[in-house]
């Protein structure tokens, strides 16, 4: 059964900005359906053009670029509430791929109606711009972490980010959050070898800061983890939801 926009479970979370009744009605017209994606399936392909835009309703995935030598660079992770496919809508084709890590449910929007949104719903159009700016900010943070932190701090930074973002999405339970990614995904995102990533995780575990196993991340000492990751502010301000 397709989720109605006025009954969207994500809109009940304080992590997302409120929208008006008129905006909700427009989004319901903008939405054409829902897509169910199995774990491991490709949702958007690098170099391809998609007729659709998507908001992640549930599940998790990742964004990655394929390099000429066969390597893979993870450029981001996809979590509930994220809006994907805008590159294709604006630039004509995707510059990276998006793959489902778990079973995913996605709200589907017709790309051809994007201009109608900008014309008739300028506040919603600004929200899309806000999300694009937020992605740029996160990319800057990621580049700073990858370029300036040592391996242990890099892993601490990413796991700290996951914990607080997933907590804001209402997914925490008994100090833990679901984290279904592989160590290889973390390594590919941070520019580390799988062996180095595993050693860093072992050190964080030995320090009593966290435990990541069986698809679940438990954080026991938040302040020390943030200090190790050189993070001063963990505030998660509300953000738009398309």
C-alpha atoms as a PDB file:
ATOM      1  CA  UNK A   1       0.000   0.000   0.000  1.00  0.00           C
ATOM      2  CA  UNK A   2       1.347   3.430  -0.968  1.00  0.00           C
ATOM      3  CA  UNK A   3       2.011   5.794   1.945  1.00  0.00           C
ATOM      4  CA  UNK A   4      -0.004   9.012   1.809  1.00  0.00           C
ATOM      5  CA  UNK A   5       2.068  12.162   2.266  1.00  0.00           C
ATOM      6  CA  UNK A   6      -0.130  13.403   5.130  1.00  0.00           C
ATOM      7  CA  UNK A   7       0.463  10.078   6.908  1.00  0.00           C
ATOM      8  CA  UNK A   8       4.205   9.829   6.246  1.00  0.00           C
ATOM      9  CA  UNK A   9       5.903   8.432   9.374  1.00  0.00           C
ATOM     10  CA  UNK A  10       9.011  10.533   8.715  1.00  0.00           C
ATOM     11  CA  UNK A  11       6.998  13.761   8.957  1.00  0.00           C
ATOM     12  CA  UNK A  12       6.158  12.908  12.555  1.00  0.00           C
ATOM     13  CA  UNK A  13       9.822  13.194  13.551  1.00  0.00           C
ATOM     14  CA  UNK A  14      11.118  16.502  14.987  1.00  0.00           C
ATOM     15  CA  UNK A  15      14.198  16.037  12.780  1.00  0.00           C
ATOM     16  CA  UNK A  16      12.149  17.212   9.786  1.00  0.00           C
ATOM     17  CA  UNK A  17      10.573  20.622   9.193  1.00  0.00           C
ATOM     18  CA  UNK A  18       6.807  20.994   9.160  1.00  0.00           C
ATOM     19  CA  UNK A  19       5.046  21.834   5.895  1.00  0.00           C
ATOM     20  CA  UNK A  20       1.635  23.348   5.262  1.00  0.00           C
ATOM     21  CA  UNK A  21      -1.504  21.536   4.206  1.00  0.00           C
ATOM     22  CA  UNK A  22      -1.235  23.034   0.704  1.00  0.00           C
ATOM     23  CA  UNK A  23       2.383  21.897   0.400  1.00  0.00           C
ATOM     24  CA  UNK A  24       1.433  18.399   1.537  1.00  0.00           C
ATOM     25  CA  UNK A  25      -1.343  18.274  -1.081  1.00  0.00           C
ATOM     26  CA  UNK A  26       1.144  19.352  -3.772  1.00  0.00           C
ATOM     27  CA  UNK A  27       3.633  16.696  -2.713  1.00  0.00           C
ATOM     28  CA  UNK A  28       0.900  14.068  -2.961  1.00  0.00           C
ATOM     29  CA  UNK A  29       0.292  15.138  -6.573  1.00  0.00           C
ATOM     30  CA  UNK A  30       4.053  15.250  -7.226  1.00  0.00           C
ATOM     31  CA  UNK A  31       4.451  11.693  -5.933  1.00  0.00           C
ATOM     32  CA  UNK A  32       3.733   9.004  -8.534  1.00  0.00           C
ATOM     33  CA  UNK A  33       4.171   5.908  -6.401  1.00  0.00           C
ATOM     34  CA  UNK A  34       6.661   3.907  -4.364  1.00  0.00           C
ATOM     35  CA  UNK A  35       9.579   1.681  -5.303  1.00  0.00           C
ATOM     36  CA  UNK A  36      10.655  -1.383  -3.342  1.00  0.00           C
ATOM     37  CA  UNK A  37      14.347  -2.183  -3.781  1.00  0.00           C
ATOM     38  CA  UNK A  38      16.079  -5.344  -2.607  1.00  0.00           C
ATOM     39  CA  UNK A  39      19.439  -5.243  -0.860  1.00  0.00           C
ATOM     40  CA  UNK A  40      22.234  -5.014  -3.419  1.00  0.00           C
ATOM     41  CA  UNK A  41      20.072  -3.608  -6.202  1.00  0.00           C
ATOM     42  CA  UNK A  42      21.080  -0.508  -8.153  1.00  0.00           C
ATOM     43  CA  UNK A  43      18.614   2.366  -7.792  1.00  0.00           C
ATOM     44  CA  UNK A  44      20.479   4.960  -9.862  1.00  0.00           C
ATOM     45  CA  UNK A  45      23.382   4.261 -12.225  1.00  0.00           C
ATOM     46  CA  UNK A  46      26.395   6.489 -12.815  1.00  0.00           C
ATOM     47  CA  UNK A  47      26.286   7.918 -16.346  1.00  0.00           C
ATOM     48  CA  UNK A  48      22.582   7.161 -16.800  1.00  0.00           C
ATOM     49  CA  UNK A  49      19.590   9.474 -16.864  1.00  0.00           C
ATOM     50  CA  UNK A  50      16.600   8.701 -14.673  1.00  0.00           C
ATOM     51  CA  UNK A  51      13.035   9.852 -15.262  1.00  0.00           C
ATOM     52  CA  UNK A  52      12.445   9.844 -11.524  1.00  0.00           C
ATOM     53  CA  UNK A  53      13.509  11.459  -8.278  1.00  0.00           C
ATOM     54  CA  UNK A  54      13.278   9.625  -4.957  1.00  0.00           C
ATOM     55  CA  UNK A  55      12.950  10.196  -1.239  1.00  0.00           C
ATOM     56  CA  UNK A  56      14.058   7.332   0.992  1.00  0.00           C
ATOM     57  CA  UNK A  57      11.083   6.262   3.081  1.00  0.00           C
ATOM     58  CA  UNK A  58      12.837   3.371   4.822  1.00  0.00           C
ATOM     59  CA  UNK A  59      16.038   1.372   4.537  1.00  0.00           C
ATOM     60  CA  UNK A  60      19.632   2.368   3.860  1.00  0.00           C
ATOM     61  CA  UNK A  61      21.987   2.512   0.906  1.00  0.00           C
ATOM     62  CA  UNK A  62      25.149   4.150  -0.339  1.00  0.00           C
ATOM     63  CA  UNK A  63      26.431   6.399  -3.111  1.00  0.00           C
ATOM     64  CA  UNK A  64      29.598   5.409  -4.949  1.00  0.00           C
ATOM     65  CA  UNK A  65      31.764   6.158  -7.971  1.00  0.00           C
ATOM     66  CA  UNK A  66      33.478   3.470 -10.016  1.00  0.00           C
ATOM     67  CA  UNK A  67      37.090   4.245 -10.941  1.00  0.00           C
ATOM     68  CA  UNK A  68      38.823   3.178 -14.191  1.00  0.00           C
ATOM     69  CA  UNK A  69      41.013   0.690 -12.340  1.00  0.00           C
ATOM     70  CA  UNK A  70      38.001  -1.114 -10.918  1.00  0.00           C
ATOM     71  CA  UNK A  71      38.180   0.491  -7.468  1.00  0.00           C
ATOM     72  CA  UNK A  72      35.107   1.889  -5.771  1.00  0.00           C
ATOM     73  CA  UNK A  73      34.926   5.170  -3.870  1.00  0.00           C
ATOM     74  CA  UNK A  74      31.964   5.493  -1.525  1.00  0.00           C
ATOM     75  CA  UNK A  75      30.976   9.171  -1.676  1.00  0.00           C
ATOM     76  CA  UNK A  76      28.090   9.042   0.774  1.00  0.00           C
ATOM     77  CA  UNK A  77      25.487   7.006   2.575  1.00  0.00           C
ATOM     78  CA  UNK A  78      21.749   7.098   1.956  1.00  0.00           C
ATOM     79  CA  UNK A  79      19.415   7.143   4.968  1.00  0.00           C
ATOM     80  CA  UNK A  80      15.670   7.643   5.483  1.00  0.00           C
ATOM     81  CA  UNK A  81      14.565  11.132   4.458  1.00  0.00           C
ATOM     82  CA  UNK A  82      17.342  11.620   1.900  1.00  0.00           C
ATOM     83  CA  UNK A  83      16.383  12.981  -1.532  1.00  0.00           C
ATOM     84  CA  UNK A  84      18.232  11.352  -4.443  1.00  0.00           C
ATOM     85  CA  UNK A  85      18.334  11.682  -8.221  1.00  0.00           C
ATOM     86  CA  UNK A  86      18.659  15.462  -8.362  1.00  0.00           C
ATOM     87  CA  UNK A  87      21.946  15.205 -10.283  1.00  0.00           C
ATOM     88  CA  UNK A  88      20.136  13.509 -13.134  1.00  0.00           C
ATOM     89  CA  UNK A  89      17.333  16.047 -12.974  1.00  0.00           C
ATOM     90  CA  UNK A  90      19.679  19.033 -13.177  1.00  0.00           C
ATOM     91  CA  UNK A  91      22.756  17.727 -15.016  1.00  0.00           C
ATOM     92  CA  UNK A  92      21.091  15.240 -17.354  1.00  0.00           C
ATOM     93  CA  UNK A  93      22.768  12.151 -15.908  1.00  0.00           C
ATOM     94  CA  UNK A  94      23.955  10.745 -12.613  1.00  0.00           C
ATOM     95  CA  UNK A  95      27.593  11.357 -11.682  1.00  0.00           C
ATOM     96  CA  UNK A  96      27.567   8.517  -9.171  1.00  0.00           C
ATOM     97  CA  UNK A  97      25.577   5.341  -8.528  1.00  0.00           C
ATOM     98  CA  UNK A  98      23.162   4.643  -5.678  1.00  0.00           C
ATOM     99  CA  UNK A  99      22.824   1.097  -4.365  1.00  0.00           C
ATOM    100  CA  UNK A 100      20.494  -0.362  -1.740  1.00  0.00           C
ATOM    101  CA  UNK A 101      22.300  -1.856   1.258  1.00  0.00           C
ATOM    102  CA  UNK A 102      19.096  -3.149   2.843  1.00  0.00           C
ATOM    103  CA  UNK A 103      15.553  -3.627   1.616  1.00  0.00           C
ATOM    104  CA  UNK A 104      14.425  -0.094   0.801  1.00  0.00           C
ATOM    105  CA  UNK A 105      11.154   1.704   0.211  1.00  0.00           C
ATOM    106  CA  UNK A 106      11.364   4.924  -1.820  1.00  0.00           C
ATOM    107  CA  UNK A 107       8.807   7.580  -2.689  1.00  0.00           C
ATOM    108  CA  UNK A 108       8.923   8.172  -6.452  1.00  0.00           C
ATOM    109  CA  UNK A 109       8.499  11.580  -8.092  1.00  0.00           C
ATOM    110  CA  UNK A 110       8.268  12.410 -11.783  1.00  0.00           C
ATOM    111  CA  UNK A 111      11.378  14.366 -12.778  1.00  0.00           C
ATOM    112  CA  UNK A 112       9.446  16.243 -15.473  1.00  0.00           C
ATOM    113  CA  UNK A 113       7.351  17.879 -12.737  1.00  0.00           C
ATOM    114  CA  UNK A 114      10.411  19.399 -11.052  1.00  0.00           C
ATOM    115  CA  UNK A 115       9.939  22.691 -12.884  1.00  0.00           C
ATOM    116  CA  UNK A 116       6.311  22.772 -11.777  1.00  0.00           C
ATOM    117  CA  UNK A 117       7.514  22.545  -8.196  1.00  0.00           C
ATOM    118  CA  UNK A 118       9.880  25.492  -8.704  1.00  0.00           C
ATOM    119  CA  UNK A 119       7.122  27.500 -10.390  1.00  0.00           C
ATOM    120  CA  UNK A 120       4.214  26.798  -8.064  1.00  0.00           C
ATOM    121  CA  UNK A 121       5.887  25.879  -4.764  1.00  0.00           C
ATOM    122  CA  UNK A 122       8.867  28.226  -4.274  1.00  0.00           C
ATOM    123  CA  UNK A 123       9.172  27.304  -0.592  1.00  0.00           C
ATOM    124  CA  UNK A 124       9.461  23.621  -1.519  1.00  0.00           C
ATOM    125  CA  UNK A 125      11.957  24.575  -4.234  1.00  0.00           C
ATOM    126  CA  UNK A 126      14.010  26.376  -1.591  1.00  0.00           C
ATOM    127  CA  UNK A 127      13.860  23.203   0.511  1.00  0.00           C
ATOM    128  CA  UNK A 128      15.465  21.279  -2.368  1.00  0.00           C
ATOM    129  CA  UNK A 129      18.171  23.947  -2.566  1.00  0.00           C
ATOM    130  CA  UNK A 130      18.618  23.626   1.195  1.00  0.00           C
ATOM    131  CA  UNK A 131      19.129  19.869   0.868  1.00  0.00           C
ATOM    132  CA  UNK A 132      21.667  20.352  -1.932  1.00  0.00           C
ATOM    133  CA  UNK A 133      23.574  22.869   0.225  1.00  0.00           C
ATOM    134  CA  UNK A 134      23.466  20.446   3.159  1.00  0.00           C
ATOM    135  CA  UNK A 135      24.951  17.703   0.982  1.00  0.00           C
ATOM    136  CA  UNK A 136      27.714  20.102  -0.059  1.00  0.00           C
ATOM    137  CA  UNK A 137      28.399  20.891   3.605  1.00  0.00           C
ATOM    138  CA  UNK A 138      28.534  17.184   4.510  1.00  0.00           C
ATOM    139  CA  UNK A 139      30.871  16.521   1.592  1.00  0.00           C
ATOM    140  CA  UNK A 140      33.169  19.258   2.929  1.00  0.00           C
ATOM    141  CA  UNK A 141      33.127  17.682   6.380  1.00  0.00           C
ATOM    142  CA  UNK A 142      33.872  14.281   4.871  1.00  0.00           C
ATOM    143  CA  UNK A 143      36.767  15.621   2.816  1.00  0.00           C
ATOM    144  CA  UNK A 144      38.206  17.335   5.897  1.00  0.00           C
ATOM    145  CA  UNK A 145      37.978  14.098   7.879  1.00  0.00           C
ATOM    146  CA  UNK A 146      39.490  11.971   5.122  1.00  0.00           C
ATOM    147  CA  UNK A 147      42.263  14.474   4.394  1.00  0.00           C
ATOM    148  CA  UNK A 148      43.264  15.592   7.878  1.00  0.00           C
ATOM    149  CA  UNK A 149      42.432  12.899  10.449  1.00  0.00           C
ATOM    150  CA  UNK A 150      44.346   9.723  11.167  1.00  0.00           C
ATOM    151  CA  UNK A 151      42.705   6.365  10.585  1.00  0.00           C
ATOM    152  CA  UNK A 152      41.337   5.929  14.117  1.00  0.00           C
ATOM    153  CA  UNK A 153      39.832   9.424  14.146  1.00  0.00           C
ATOM    154  CA  UNK A 154      38.319   8.921  10.683  1.00  0.00           C
ATOM    155  CA  UNK A 155      36.458   5.795  11.776  1.00  0.00           C
ATOM    156  CA  UNK A 156      35.380   7.490  15.015  1.00  0.00           C
ATOM    157  CA  UNK A 157      34.101  10.484  13.035  1.00  0.00           C
ATOM    158  CA  UNK A 158      31.974   8.420  10.665  1.00  0.00           C
ATOM    159  CA  UNK A 159      30.499   6.150  13.347  1.00  0.00           C
ATOM    160  CA  UNK A 160      29.735   9.188  15.528  1.00  0.00           C
ATOM    161  CA  UNK A 161      27.920  10.779  12.578  1.00  0.00           C
ATOM    162  CA  UNK A 162      25.933   7.607  11.910  1.00  0.00           C
ATOM    163  CA  UNK A 163      24.917   7.296  15.548  1.00  0.00           C
ATOM    164  CA  UNK A 164      23.560  10.811  15.888  1.00  0.00           C
ATOM    165  CA  UNK A 165      21.876  10.903  12.486  1.00  0.00           C
ATOM    166  CA  UNK A 166      20.128   7.560  13.035  1.00  0.00           C
ATOM    167  CA  UNK A 167      19.125   8.600  16.550  1.00  0.00           C
ATOM    168  CA  UNK A 168      17.545  11.751  15.090  1.00  0.00           C
ATOM    169  CA  UNK A 169      15.602   9.469  12.739  1.00  0.00           C
ATOM    170  CA  UNK A 170      14.086   7.686  15.723  1.00  0.00           C
ATOM    171  CA  UNK A 171      15.998   4.458  15.123  1.00  0.00           C
ATOM    172  CA  UNK A 172      17.850   4.221  18.434  1.00  0.00           C
ATOM    173  CA  UNK A 173      17.092   1.499  20.964  1.00  0.00           C
ATOM    174  CA  UNK A 174      18.957   0.919  24.217  1.00  0.00           C
ATOM    175  CA  UNK A 175      21.956   3.101  23.239  1.00  0.00           C
ATOM    176  CA  UNK A 176      22.232   1.437  19.838  1.00  0.00           C
ATOM    177  CA  UNK A 177      21.214   2.072  16.231  1.00  0.00           C
ATOM    178  CA  UNK A 178      20.999  -0.225  13.207  1.00  0.00           C
ATOM    179  CA  UNK A 179      24.115  -0.031  11.050  1.00  0.00           C
ATOM    180  CA  UNK A 180      23.856  -2.639   8.285  1.00  0.00           C
ATOM    181  CA  UNK A 181      26.931  -1.587   6.314  1.00  0.00           C
ATOM    182  CA  UNK A 182      30.077  -3.683   5.831  1.00  0.00           C
ATOM    183  CA  UNK A 183      33.538  -2.770   7.063  1.00  0.00           C
ATOM    184  CA  UNK A 184      34.499  -2.574   3.373  1.00  0.00           C
ATOM    185  CA  UNK A 185      31.913   0.187   2.866  1.00  0.00           C
ATOM    186  CA  UNK A 186      33.462   2.185   5.699  1.00  0.00           C
ATOM    187  CA  UNK A 187      36.951   1.572   4.306  1.00  0.00           C
ATOM    188  CA  UNK A 188      35.876   2.679   0.809  1.00  0.00           C
ATOM    189  CA  UNK A 189      34.345   5.861   2.224  1.00  0.00           C
ATOM    190  CA  UNK A 190      37.372   6.825   4.316  1.00  0.00           C
ATOM    191  CA  UNK A 191      40.205   5.847   1.971  1.00  0.00           C
ATOM    192  CA  UNK A 192      41.460   3.129   4.306  1.00  0.00           C
ATOM    193  CA  UNK A 193      42.352  -0.487   3.706  1.00  0.00           C
ATOM    194  CA  UNK A 194      39.995  -3.110   5.089  1.00  0.00           C
ATOM    195  CA  UNK A 195      42.757  -4.320   7.437  1.00  0.00           C
ATOM    196  CA  UNK A 196      43.374  -0.815   8.810  1.00  0.00           C
ATOM    197  CA  UNK A 197      39.635  -0.237   9.250  1.00  0.00           C
ATOM    198  CA  UNK A 198      39.308  -3.485  11.187  1.00  0.00           C
ATOM    199  CA  UNK A 199      42.229  -2.536  13.449  1.00  0.00           C
ATOM    200  CA  UNK A 200      40.701   0.893  14.130  1.00  0.00           C
ATOM    201  CA  UNK A 201      37.393  -0.697  15.074  1.00  0.00           C
ATOM    202  CA  UNK A 202      39.252  -3.034  17.391  1.00  0.00           C
ATOM    203  CA  UNK A 203      40.934  -0.087  19.118  1.00  0.00           C
ATOM    204  CA  UNK A 204      37.634   1.753  19.569  1.00  0.00           C
ATOM    205  CA  UNK A 205      36.151  -1.406  21.045  1.00  0.00           C
ATOM    206  CA  UNK A 206      39.152  -1.914  23.347  1.00  0.00           C
ATOM    207  CA  UNK A 207      38.791   1.668  24.611  1.00  0.00           C
ATOM    208  CA  UNK A 208      35.213   0.880  25.576  1.00  0.00           C
ATOM    209  CA  UNK A 209      33.818   3.583  23.292  1.00  0.00           C
ATOM    210  CA  UNK A 210      31.551   1.484  21.095  1.00  0.00           C
ATOM    211  CA  UNK A 211      30.627  -1.899  19.710  1.00  0.00           C
ATOM    212  CA  UNK A 212      29.652  -2.568  16.097  1.00  0.00           C
ATOM    213  CA  UNK A 213      28.557  -6.086  15.274  1.00  0.00           C
ATOM    214  CA  UNK A 214      25.677  -7.951  13.651  1.00  0.00           C
ATOM    215  CA  UNK A 215      24.426  -4.799  11.948  1.00  0.00           C
ATOM    216  CA  UNK A 216      24.098  -2.776  15.170  1.00  0.00           C
ATOM    217  CA  UNK A 217      26.189   0.099  16.527  1.00  0.00           C
ATOM    218  CA  UNK A 218      26.230   0.727  20.295  1.00  0.00           C
ATOM    219  CA  UNK A 219      27.987   3.849  21.559  1.00  0.00           C
ATOM    220  CA  UNK A 220      28.911   3.819  25.245  1.00  0.00           C
ATOM    221  CA  UNK A 221      31.038   6.958  25.709  1.00  0.00           C
ATOM    222  CA  UNK A 222      29.770   9.713  23.441  1.00  0.00           C
ATOM    223  CA  UNK A 223      31.960  12.550  24.701  1.00  0.00           C
ATOM    224  CA  UNK A 224      35.200  10.629  24.309  1.00  0.00           C
ATOM    225  CA  UNK A 225      34.208   9.391  20.857  1.00  0.00           C
ATOM    226  CA  UNK A 226      33.454  12.967  19.772  1.00  0.00           C
ATOM    227  CA  UNK A 227      36.763  14.191  21.168  1.00  0.00           C
ATOM    228  CA  UNK A 228      38.661  11.468  19.323  1.00  0.00           C
ATOM    229  CA  UNK A 229      36.820  12.397  16.107  1.00  0.00           C
ATOM    230  CA  UNK A 230      37.596  16.107  16.740  1.00  0.00           C
ATOM    231  CA  UNK A 231      33.885  16.966  16.714  1.00  0.00           C
ATOM    232  CA  UNK A 232      32.832  19.941  18.794  1.00  0.00           C
ATOM    233  CA  UNK A 233      29.126  20.142  17.941  1.00  0.00           C
ATOM    234  CA  UNK A 234      26.677  17.251  17.561  1.00  0.00           C
ATOM    235  CA  UNK A 235      23.546  19.357  17.076  1.00  0.00           C
ATOM    236  CA  UNK A 236      21.185  17.981  14.442  1.00  0.00           C
ATOM    237  CA  UNK A 237      19.035  20.940  13.327  1.00  0.00           C
ATOM    238  CA  UNK A 238      15.697  20.193  11.627  1.00  0.00           C
ATOM    239  CA  UNK A 239      15.916  19.734   7.866  1.00  0.00           C
ATOM    240  CA  UNK A 240      13.431  19.693   4.988  1.00  0.00           C
ATOM    241  CA  UNK A 241      11.781  16.495   3.852  1.00  0.00           C
ATOM    242  CA  UNK A 242      10.740  16.240   0.201  1.00  0.00           C
END
